[in-house]
Amino acid sequence: MSCTRCVDKFCTYKVPIFKHFDCQEVEELLKVIEHKEYKKGDVLFNEGELADTLYIINEGKLKIFNYTKDGKEQILHILKEGDFWGELQLLQETNFKCYAKAIEDCNVCTITKEQFQKLILEKPEMSLKVLEVVSQRLVHLESLALVLSDNDTDAKLAYLLVDLANHYGIKMGSKIVVNLPFTREDMANYTGLTRETISRKLNMFSEKGIIKIIGHKKIEILDLKYLNGLI
């Protein structure tokens, strides 16, 4: 298998933690990676299951979530192509503390705990990228916790829109075009609002000229500064 084929087909060229691997190391890595396909709605893992696998998203998107005390779904992260999950759990004997479900058809690469630990020892620079991603996730969760504790519905939706702009937005002139990775229901589960409130607030932002709603799957951010000011 040539290196060109490797990087064209699989996750190795998409994931920051593998960027220091040369061609031979990539081919060795592909020998231990397994590839799995999940349909939209499929569950990758449940809370309480043994955490012995690193999941790398090659194509598609999935959500990491938990349930609140009243049984409502709370989305914690949306993972897209090139993202990974399970790295912390692989450094110790533990179980998953959350759930993962595909929100699109997904192509996922997996590495076992044993192989992951071997890679960390062989490539110390890889651990630095892992720590960087973990740090970013902690900052995200702290910000999300603060927003969810606030009763300001405008601030909650603004936080979500800014987060989507940062992770999925495409700059086009003075606007940012966001192809929404999830449904209105998922937006509600992310912000702790109801679906009806999400729809009402989106329409309000649209009427004010802050955003432009295009169907159910696309939003144009017209005034990012205003949204940041609400958070």
Protein backbone atom coordinates (compact mmCIF):
# COMPACT_ATOMS: atom_id res chain seq x y z
CA MET A 1 0.00 0.00 0.00
CA SER A 2 1.55 3.31 -1.05
CA CYS A 3 1.73 6.31 1.24
CA THR A 4 -0.28 8.38 -1.24
CA ARG A 5 -3.13 5.92 -1.07
CA CYS A 6 -2.94 5.91 2.73
CA VAL A 7 -3.35 9.62 3.15
CA ASP A 8 -5.96 9.89 0.44
CA LYS A 9 -8.24 7.26 1.93
CA PHE A 10 -7.95 7.15 5.70
CA CYS A 11 -7.80 9.29 8.80
CA THR A 12 -4.04 9.59 9.17
CA TYR A 13 -3.68 12.83 7.22
CA LYS A 14 -6.74 14.45 8.83
CA VAL A 15 -5.84 14.08 12.51
CA PRO A 16 -3.36 16.51 14.11
CA ILE A 17 -1.90 13.85 16.43
CA PHE A 18 -0.57 11.93 13.40
CA LYS A 19 0.99 14.86 11.57
CA HIS A 20 4.55 13.94 12.66
CA PHE A 21 4.32 10.44 11.19
CA ASP A 22 6.41 9.75 8.08
CA CYS A 23 5.25 7.54 5.22
CA GLN A 24 6.58 4.29 6.68
CA GLU A 25 5.06 5.04 10.09
CA VAL A 26 1.72 5.82 8.45
CA GLU A 27 1.72 2.45 6.74
CA GLU A 28 2.56 0.74 10.04
CA LEU A 29 -0.24 2.68 11.72
CA LEU A 30 -2.75 1.54 9.12
CA LYS A 31 -1.98 -2.07 10.02
CA VAL A 32 -3.40 -1.58 13.54
CA ILE A 33 -6.30 0.76 12.67
CA GLU A 34 -9.73 -0.78 12.23
CA HIS A 35 -12.42 0.86 10.14
CA LYS A 36 -16.09 0.88 11.05
CA GLU A 37 -19.18 2.37 9.45
CA TYR A 38 -22.13 3.74 11.40
CA LYS A 39 -25.48 4.86 10.06
CA LYS A 40 -27.17 8.04 11.26
CA GLY A 41 -28.64 7.30 14.69
CA ASP A 42 -26.28 4.42 15.48
CA VAL A 43 -24.72 4.43 18.96
CA LEU A 44 -20.93 4.07 19.09
CA PHE A 45 -20.76 3.57 22.84
CA ASN A 46 -22.86 4.02 25.97
CA GLU A 47 -22.09 5.39 29.40
CA GLY A 48 -20.64 2.69 31.60
CA GLU A 49 -19.07 0.65 28.81
CA LEU A 50 -15.37 -0.19 29.05
CA ALA A 51 -13.30 2.60 27.49
CA ASP A 52 -10.64 0.67 25.61
CA THR A 53 -10.82 2.27 22.15
CA LEU A 54 -9.81 5.55 20.53
CA TYR A 55 -12.42 6.71 17.98
CA ILE A 56 -11.27 8.88 15.06
CA ILE A 57 -13.87 10.39 12.74
CA ASN A 58 -12.82 9.87 9.14
CA GLU A 59 -16.11 11.03 7.60
CA GLY A 60 -19.39 12.29 9.01
CA LYS A 61 -20.33 13.74 12.40
CA LEU A 62 -21.31 12.39 15.80
CA LYS A 63 -22.44 13.87 19.08
CA ILE A 64 -21.09 13.27 22.57
CA PHE A 65 -23.84 13.68 25.13
CA ASN A 66 -25.15 12.84 28.56
CA TYR A 67 -28.52 12.98 30.28
CA THR A 68 -29.62 15.50 32.87
CA LYS A 69 -31.31 14.46 36.12
CA ASP A 70 -34.72 14.96 34.50
CA GLY A 71 -33.77 12.67 31.62
CA LYS A 72 -33.17 15.37 29.03
CA GLU A 73 -30.32 14.94 26.58
CA GLN A 74 -27.44 17.39 27.01
CA ILE A 75 -25.04 17.62 24.08
CA LEU A 76 -21.43 18.20 25.17
CA HIS A 77 -19.50 18.05 21.90
CA ILE A 78 -20.08 17.67 18.19
CA LEU A 79 -17.23 15.77 16.54
CA LYS A 80 -16.48 16.10 12.84
CA GLU A 81 -13.96 14.78 10.32
CA GLY A 82 -10.49 14.69 11.88
CA ASP A 83 -11.71 14.82 15.49
CA PHE A 84 -11.15 11.98 17.96
CA TRP A 85 -12.53 10.78 21.28
CA GLY A 86 -11.47 8.42 24.05
CA GLU A 87 -7.84 9.49 24.48
CA LEU A 88 -8.04 10.23 28.22
CA GLN A 89 -9.81 7.01 29.05
CA LEU A 90 -7.08 5.02 27.31
CA LEU A 91 -4.50 6.18 29.83
CA GLN A 92 -6.25 4.43 32.70
CA GLU A 93 -8.70 1.62 33.47
CA THR A 94 -12.08 3.29 33.29
CA ASN A 95 -15.50 3.33 31.64
CA PHE A 96 -17.07 5.92 29.37
CA LYS A 97 -18.85 8.72 31.25
CA CYS A 98 -20.98 9.73 28.26
CA TYR A 99 -22.69 8.49 25.11
CA ALA A 100 -21.76 8.82 21.44
CA LYS A 101 -24.25 8.72 18.56
CA ALA A 102 -23.87 9.33 14.83
CA ILE A 103 -25.80 12.37 13.60
CA GLU A 104 -24.74 11.58 10.03
CA ASP A 105 -23.55 8.40 8.36
CA CYS A 106 -20.03 8.01 9.76
CA ASN A 107 -16.80 6.35 8.76
CA VAL A 108 -14.75 5.84 11.93
CA CYS A 109 -11.21 4.60 12.51
CA THR A 110 -10.43 2.91 15.83
CA ILE A 111 -7.25 2.12 17.74
CA THR A 112 -7.06 -0.14 20.78
CA LYS A 113 -5.81 1.02 24.16
CA GLU A 114 -2.66 -1.09 23.83
CA GLN A 115 -1.77 0.39 20.43
CA PHE A 116 -2.53 3.93 21.54
CA GLN A 117 -0.23 3.66 24.55
CA LYS A 118 2.50 2.24 22.32
CA LEU A 119 2.14 5.19 19.92
CA ILE A 120 2.39 7.69 22.79
CA LEU A 121 5.65 6.10 23.96
CA GLU A 122 7.11 6.00 20.46
CA LYS A 123 5.99 9.51 19.48
CA PRO A 124 6.18 11.88 22.49
CA GLU A 125 5.22 14.84 20.28
CA MET A 126 1.88 13.11 19.68
CA SER A 127 1.06 13.45 23.38
CA LEU A 128 1.46 17.23 23.12
CA LYS A 129 -1.25 17.38 20.44
CA VAL A 130 -3.49 15.20 22.60
CA LEU A 131 -3.00 17.58 25.55
CA GLU A 132 -3.78 20.53 23.30
CA VAL A 133 -7.10 19.02 22.23
CA VAL A 134 -7.96 18.04 25.80
CA SER A 135 -7.23 21.60 26.96
CA GLN A 136 -9.51 23.03 24.27
CA ARG A 137 -12.31 20.68 25.33
CA LEU A 138 -11.98 21.69 28.98
CA VAL A 139 -12.22 25.38 28.04
CA HIS A 140 -15.28 24.58 25.92
CA LEU A 141 -17.00 22.69 28.75
CA GLU A 142 -16.27 25.47 31.25
CA SER A 143 -17.77 28.04 28.87
CA LEU A 144 -20.76 25.81 28.17
CA ALA A 145 -21.37 25.31 31.91
CA LEU A 146 -21.37 29.07 32.49
CA VAL A 147 -23.78 29.69 29.62
CA LEU A 148 -26.14 26.92 30.75
CA SER A 149 -26.22 28.33 34.28
CA ASP A 150 -27.36 31.69 32.89
CA ASN A 151 -31.10 32.27 32.44
CA ASP A 152 -30.51 34.57 29.45
CA THR A 153 -31.92 32.70 26.46
CA ASP A 154 -30.37 35.15 23.99
CA ALA A 155 -26.93 34.45 25.46
CA LYS A 156 -27.41 30.69 25.20
CA LEU A 157 -28.36 30.81 21.53
CA ALA A 158 -25.62 33.37 20.80
CA TYR A 159 -23.03 31.05 22.36
CA LEU A 160 -24.21 28.18 20.16
CA LEU A 161 -24.13 30.30 16.99
CA VAL A 162 -20.64 31.62 17.75
CA ASP A 163 -19.43 28.09 18.48
CA LEU A 164 -20.88 26.86 15.19
CA ALA A 165 -19.31 29.80 13.34
CA ASN A 166 -15.90 28.98 14.82
CA HIS A 167 -16.02 25.27 14.06
CA TYR A 168 -18.15 25.00 10.92
CA GLY A 169 -18.33 28.50 9.48
CA ILE A 170 -17.02 29.48 6.07
CA LYS A 171 -16.03 33.13 5.70
CA MET A 172 -17.66 34.68 2.63
CA GLY A 173 -17.06 38.41 2.49
CA SER A 174 -18.62 40.06 5.54
CA LYS A 175 -20.72 37.01 6.48
CA ILE A 176 -20.02 33.55 7.84
CA VAL A 177 -21.96 30.67 6.28
CA VAL A 178 -22.69 27.75 8.61
CA ASN A 179 -23.96 24.40 7.39
CA LEU A 180 -25.70 23.18 10.52
CA PRO A 181 -24.38 19.82 11.73
CA PHE A 182 -27.56 18.98 13.61
CA THR A 183 -31.31 19.56 13.93
CA ARG A 184 -33.31 22.17 15.85
CA GLU A 185 -33.92 19.49 18.47
CA ASP A 186 -30.17 19.00 18.85
CA MET A 187 -29.71 22.77 19.12
CA ALA A 188 -32.20 22.73 21.97
CA ASN A 189 -30.36 19.84 23.66
CA TYR A 190 -27.09 21.73 23.33
CA THR A 191 -28.32 24.97 24.89
CA GLY A 192 -30.81 23.64 27.45
CA LEU A 193 -33.64 25.50 25.71
CA THR A 194 -36.81 24.11 24.18
CA ARG A 195 -37.13 23.58 20.45
CA GLU A 196 -39.86 26.22 20.34
CA THR A 197 -37.60 28.76 22.06
CA ILE A 198 -34.78 28.01 19.62
CA SER A 199 -37.07 28.62 16.64
CA ARG A 200 -38.47 31.82 18.14
CA LYS A 201 -35.06 33.24 19.00
CA LEU A 202 -33.62 32.34 15.60
CA ASN A 203 -36.47 34.20 13.95
CA MET A 204 -35.88 37.18 16.26
CA PHE A 205 -32.17 37.29 15.38
CA SER A 206 -33.14 37.02 11.72
CA GLU A 207 -35.60 39.93 11.94
CA LYS A 208 -32.88 42.05 13.56
CA GLY A 209 -30.50 41.30 10.69
CA ILE A 210 -28.02 39.43 12.91
CA ILE A 211 -28.42 36.16 11.01
CA LYS A 212 -30.12 34.90 7.88
CA ILE A 213 -31.87 31.52 7.99
CA ILE A 214 -31.66 29.47 4.81
CA GLY A 215 -33.91 26.41 5.08
CA HIS A 216 -33.33 24.06 8.02
CA LYS A 217 -29.65 23.29 7.41
CA LYS A 218 -27.91 26.61 6.78
CA ILE A 219 -27.49 29.90 8.63
CA GLU A 220 -25.56 32.99 7.60
CA ILE A 221 -23.98 34.90 10.50
CA LEU A 222 -24.21 38.57 9.52
CA ASP A 223 -23.18 40.21 12.79
CA LEU A 224 -20.75 38.03 14.74
CA LYS A 225 -19.69 40.99 16.91
CA TYR A 226 -23.25 41.39 18.17
CA LEU A 227 -23.50 37.70 19.08
CA ASN A 228 -20.17 37.79 20.92
CA GLY A 229 -21.45 40.79 22.86
CA LEU A 230 -24.37 38.75 24.22
CA ILE A 231 -22.18 36.04 25.71
